[in-house]
Amino acid sequence: MTDPLPAQLSMFVQTHGIKVDPEFSLHASGVHSVVNCVFSAQARFDVVVLPLLKRLDDRLPDVPELTFQAFVDDVDSLGTQAYAEDVLRNRQRLARRLKVEVARDVAAFFVRHGIQTVGDFQRLDDEAAEQLVLVDLVQEVRGIGPTLAHYLLWLLGREDHVKVDSLLTRLFARIGDWQPRLGHEADRVRITEAVRAVAAELGTTPARLDNALWQFESRPKENK
């Protein structure tokens, strides 16, 4: 039986006039992609993540040549506590660890696997990239779960992935006659497939439609 969710999502997008952001762009570097991914967890993007990325950019500019080793060395030169307080000015935690420690460990993970830049990562084939991030990274770095792993993949240029986080799950709870469960694998797959189907229909990528849905759901209720 055909899943009705893609058609329901398509109607929802049309009814609410949801448009893909014409200024959508990815980070130039893998380092900024990793920091975005880690610090976006359970945090407001506009209030917390964007200013933090600007502070990082002042110290380590977001350019394609920025290496994961450079970030690891920069954090290690101060220590995670001082880097959190004095550079990023953010002491939020993820899995009971400072987020900067998680981000540093993700960068070190890529270095161990021979990945220094976003260009190195993008040269991997899809199977190798997914194995590395969705399986190996999740197993090796505490704080990175499947949701953040999928988000990191699309930040690193794999735009067929979808970040099924609390906002997207909440939005889908208003579409159709079901109650999606955050972190439930079958529900994550169903949402992902619906986003992929509608993205293809709209001539865009799943990541860009995901971003448009996220922006819509992030608005105050009176603006929806």
Protein backbone atom coordinates (compact mmCIF):
# COMPACT_ATOMS: atom_id res chain seq x y z
CA MET A 1 0.00 0.00 0.00
CA THR A 2 1.27 3.47 -0.90
CA ASP A 3 2.23 5.60 2.08
CA PRO A 4 -0.05 8.70 2.13
CA LEU A 5 2.52 10.80 4.00
CA PRO A 6 4.36 12.24 0.95
CA ALA A 7 1.08 13.48 -0.55
CA GLN A 8 0.05 14.89 2.83
CA LEU A 9 3.39 16.66 3.19
CA SER A 10 3.12 18.03 -0.35
CA MET A 11 -0.30 19.47 0.45
CA PHE A 12 1.00 20.94 3.73
CA VAL A 13 3.88 22.64 1.89
CA GLN A 14 1.51 24.10 -0.70
CA THR A 15 -1.11 25.20 1.83
CA HIS A 16 1.42 27.04 3.98
CA GLY A 17 3.44 28.44 1.10
CA ILE A 18 6.67 26.88 2.34
CA LYS A 19 9.56 27.79 0.03
CA VAL A 20 13.14 26.64 -0.09
CA ASP A 21 15.48 29.39 1.11
CA PRO A 22 17.15 30.86 -2.03
CA GLU A 23 20.17 31.76 0.12
CA PHE A 24 20.63 28.21 1.42
CA SER A 25 24.30 27.37 1.50
CA LEU A 26 26.65 24.97 3.23
CA HIS A 27 29.76 25.84 5.20
CA ALA A 28 32.98 26.09 3.25
CA SER A 29 34.86 23.99 5.81
CA GLY A 30 34.35 20.69 7.55
CA VAL A 31 35.29 22.28 10.89
CA HIS A 32 32.43 24.79 10.80
CA SER A 33 30.09 22.00 9.68
CA VAL A 34 31.03 19.93 12.72
CA VAL A 35 30.67 22.85 15.13
CA ASN A 36 27.28 23.75 13.63
CA CYS A 37 26.14 20.15 13.99
CA VAL A 38 27.22 19.71 17.61
CA PHE A 39 26.16 23.09 18.96
CA SER A 40 22.76 23.02 17.23
CA ALA A 41 21.68 20.15 19.47
CA GLN A 42 19.01 21.37 21.89
CA ALA A 43 19.86 25.01 21.17
CA ARG A 44 18.28 27.91 19.29
CA PHE A 45 20.10 28.30 16.02
CA ASP A 46 19.70 32.05 15.56
CA VAL A 47 20.41 32.99 19.19
CA VAL A 48 23.11 30.46 20.06
CA VAL A 49 24.65 28.80 17.01
CA LEU A 50 25.00 31.68 14.55
CA PRO A 51 26.82 34.02 16.99
CA LEU A 52 29.05 31.13 18.07
CA LEU A 53 29.98 30.35 14.46
CA LYS A 54 30.88 34.02 13.98
CA ARG A 55 33.21 33.86 16.99
CA LEU A 56 34.81 30.73 15.58
CA ASP A 57 35.18 32.38 12.18
CA ASP A 58 37.08 35.27 13.74
CA ARG A 59 39.66 32.75 15.00
CA LEU A 60 39.51 29.98 12.38
CA PRO A 61 38.02 31.39 9.14
CA ASP A 62 35.51 29.17 7.34
CA VAL A 63 37.50 28.35 4.21
CA PRO A 64 37.75 25.03 2.35
CA GLU A 65 41.40 24.63 3.37
CA LEU A 66 40.67 24.71 7.12
CA THR A 67 41.69 21.30 8.45
CA PHE A 68 40.24 19.23 11.24
CA GLN A 69 43.75 18.99 12.69
CA ALA A 70 43.93 22.79 12.93
CA PHE A 71 40.76 22.80 15.03
CA VAL A 72 41.99 19.96 17.25
CA ASP A 73 45.30 21.76 17.79
CA ASP A 74 43.54 25.06 18.52
CA VAL A 75 41.27 23.50 21.13
CA ASP A 76 44.13 21.55 22.68
CA SER A 77 46.28 24.69 22.92
CA LEU A 78 43.82 26.12 25.46
CA GLY A 79 42.00 23.05 26.75
CA THR A 80 38.30 22.39 26.33
CA GLN A 81 37.24 24.38 29.41
CA ALA A 82 39.08 27.55 28.37
CA TYR A 83 38.06 27.17 24.72
CA ALA A 84 34.42 26.86 25.75
CA GLU A 85 34.59 29.89 28.04
CA ASP A 86 36.98 32.25 26.27
CA VAL A 87 36.66 31.47 22.56
CA LEU A 88 33.19 30.10 21.89
CA ARG A 89 31.66 31.52 25.10
CA ASN A 90 29.39 28.52 25.35
CA ARG A 91 29.45 25.90 28.08
CA GLN A 92 26.48 23.86 26.89
CA ARG A 93 26.75 20.12 27.25
CA LEU A 94 25.80 17.13 25.15
CA ALA A 95 25.73 13.65 26.70
CA ARG A 96 27.15 15.29 29.85
CA ARG A 97 30.19 16.53 27.94
CA LEU A 98 31.08 20.08 26.94
CA LYS A 99 29.93 20.50 23.37
CA VAL A 100 33.34 21.80 22.38
CA GLU A 101 34.82 18.52 23.62
CA VAL A 102 32.37 16.57 21.45
CA ALA A 103 33.19 18.77 18.42
CA ARG A 104 36.92 18.36 19.06
CA ASP A 105 36.52 14.58 19.24
CA VAL A 106 34.54 14.52 15.97
CA ALA A 107 37.34 16.47 14.29
CA ALA A 108 39.95 14.10 15.75
CA PHE A 109 37.88 11.15 14.51
CA PHE A 110 38.06 12.46 10.95
CA VAL A 111 41.82 13.02 11.26
CA ARG A 112 42.29 9.41 12.39
CA HIS A 113 40.39 8.27 9.31
CA GLY A 114 42.51 10.33 6.93
CA ILE A 115 39.98 13.13 6.45
CA GLN A 116 41.39 16.64 6.91
CA THR A 117 39.07 18.87 4.87
CA VAL A 118 35.53 18.89 3.55
CA GLY A 119 37.02 18.16 0.13
CA ASP A 120 38.58 14.96 1.46
CA PHE A 121 35.20 13.87 2.78
CA GLN A 122 33.37 14.69 -0.43
CA ARG A 123 35.71 12.43 -2.38
CA LEU A 124 34.34 9.42 -0.49
CA ASP A 125 31.64 7.42 -2.24
CA ASP A 126 28.19 7.40 -0.62
CA GLU A 127 28.59 3.99 0.98
CA ALA A 128 31.93 4.86 2.57
CA ALA A 129 30.68 8.26 3.78
CA GLU A 130 27.59 6.75 5.38
CA GLN A 131 29.55 3.95 7.02
CA LEU A 132 32.03 6.46 8.41
CA VAL A 133 29.48 8.90 9.85
CA LEU A 134 26.31 6.90 10.51
CA VAL A 135 28.08 3.86 11.97
CA ASP A 136 31.70 4.47 12.97
CA LEU A 137 31.33 8.04 14.24
CA VAL A 138 28.17 7.24 16.21
CA GLN A 139 29.93 4.29 17.84
CA GLU A 140 33.17 6.12 18.64
CA VAL A 141 32.15 9.63 19.77
CA ARG A 142 29.81 9.95 22.74
CA GLY A 143 27.28 12.69 22.08
CA ILE A 144 26.78 11.96 18.38
CA GLY A 145 23.62 9.98 17.75
CA PRO A 146 21.80 9.11 14.51
CA THR A 147 19.97 12.46 14.25
CA LEU A 148 23.14 14.53 14.47
CA ALA A 149 24.98 12.07 12.22
CA HIS A 150 22.43 12.55 9.42
CA TYR A 151 22.60 16.32 9.93
CA LEU A 152 26.39 16.23 9.70
CA LEU A 153 26.21 14.28 6.46
CA TRP A 154 24.12 16.96 4.81
CA LEU A 155 26.24 19.76 6.26
CA LEU A 156 29.21 18.03 4.62
CA GLY A 157 27.46 17.99 1.25
CA ARG A 158 25.31 14.84 1.26
CA GLU A 159 22.04 16.70 0.65
CA ASP A 160 19.95 13.54 0.34
CA HIS A 161 19.96 13.26 4.15
CA VAL A 162 17.37 14.69 6.55
CA LYS A 163 17.78 15.80 10.17
CA VAL A 164 14.71 14.34 11.89
CA ASP A 165 14.96 16.38 15.08
CA SER A 166 12.35 17.54 17.60
CA LEU A 167 11.14 20.42 15.41
CA LEU A 168 10.66 18.28 12.32
CA THR A 169 8.99 15.55 14.38
CA ARG A 170 6.63 18.15 15.87
CA LEU A 171 5.75 19.43 12.40
CA PHE A 172 4.99 15.94 11.12
CA ALA A 173 2.70 15.34 14.10
CA ARG A 174 0.35 17.85 12.43
CA ILE A 175 0.47 16.04 9.09
CA GLY A 176 -1.74 13.01 8.65
CA ASP A 177 -3.26 10.90 11.37
CA TRP A 178 -0.22 9.65 13.27
CA GLN A 179 2.03 10.63 16.16
CA PRO A 180 5.70 10.31 15.17
CA ARG A 181 8.12 9.39 17.94
CA LEU A 182 11.41 11.26 18.23
CA GLY A 183 14.31 8.83 17.94
CA HIS A 184 12.15 5.97 16.66
CA GLU A 185 13.93 4.47 13.65
CA ALA A 186 10.83 3.47 11.66
CA ASP A 187 9.31 6.93 12.13
CA ARG A 188 12.62 8.58 11.16
CA VAL A 189 12.77 6.54 7.97
CA ARG A 190 9.14 7.33 7.12
CA ILE A 191 9.68 11.07 7.59
CA THR A 192 12.91 10.95 5.59
CA GLU A 193 11.27 9.15 2.67
CA ALA A 194 8.39 11.65 2.65
CA VAL A 195 10.80 14.59 2.58
CA ARG A 196 12.82 12.96 -0.21
CA ALA A 197 9.70 12.33 -2.29
CA VAL A 198 8.40 15.89 -1.97
CA ALA A 199 11.86 17.37 -2.54
CA ALA A 200 12.07 15.47 -5.83
CA GLU A 201 8.61 16.73 -6.74
CA LEU A 202 9.75 20.32 -6.06
CA GLY A 203 13.06 19.93 -7.88
CA THR A 204 15.18 20.52 -4.79
CA THR A 205 17.22 18.42 -2.38
CA PRO A 206 15.93 16.74 0.79
CA ALA A 207 18.34 18.84 2.89
CA ARG A 208 17.02 22.10 1.42
CA LEU A 209 13.39 21.09 1.96
CA ASP A 210 14.31 19.92 5.47
CA ASN A 211 15.80 23.37 6.09
CA ALA A 212 12.65 25.09 4.75
CA LEU A 213 10.40 22.96 6.98
CA TRP A 214 12.68 23.66 9.95
CA GLN A 215 12.54 27.42 9.30
CA PHE A 216 8.74 27.26 9.08
CA GLU A 217 8.40 25.30 12.31
CA SER A 218 10.83 27.65 14.08
CA ARG A 219 8.62 30.68 13.52
CA PRO A 220 6.36 32.04 16.27
CA LYS A 221 2.88 30.50 16.10
CA GLU A 222 1.26 33.75 14.97
CA ASN A 223 3.46 33.76 11.85
CA LYS A 224 2.44 30.27 10.67
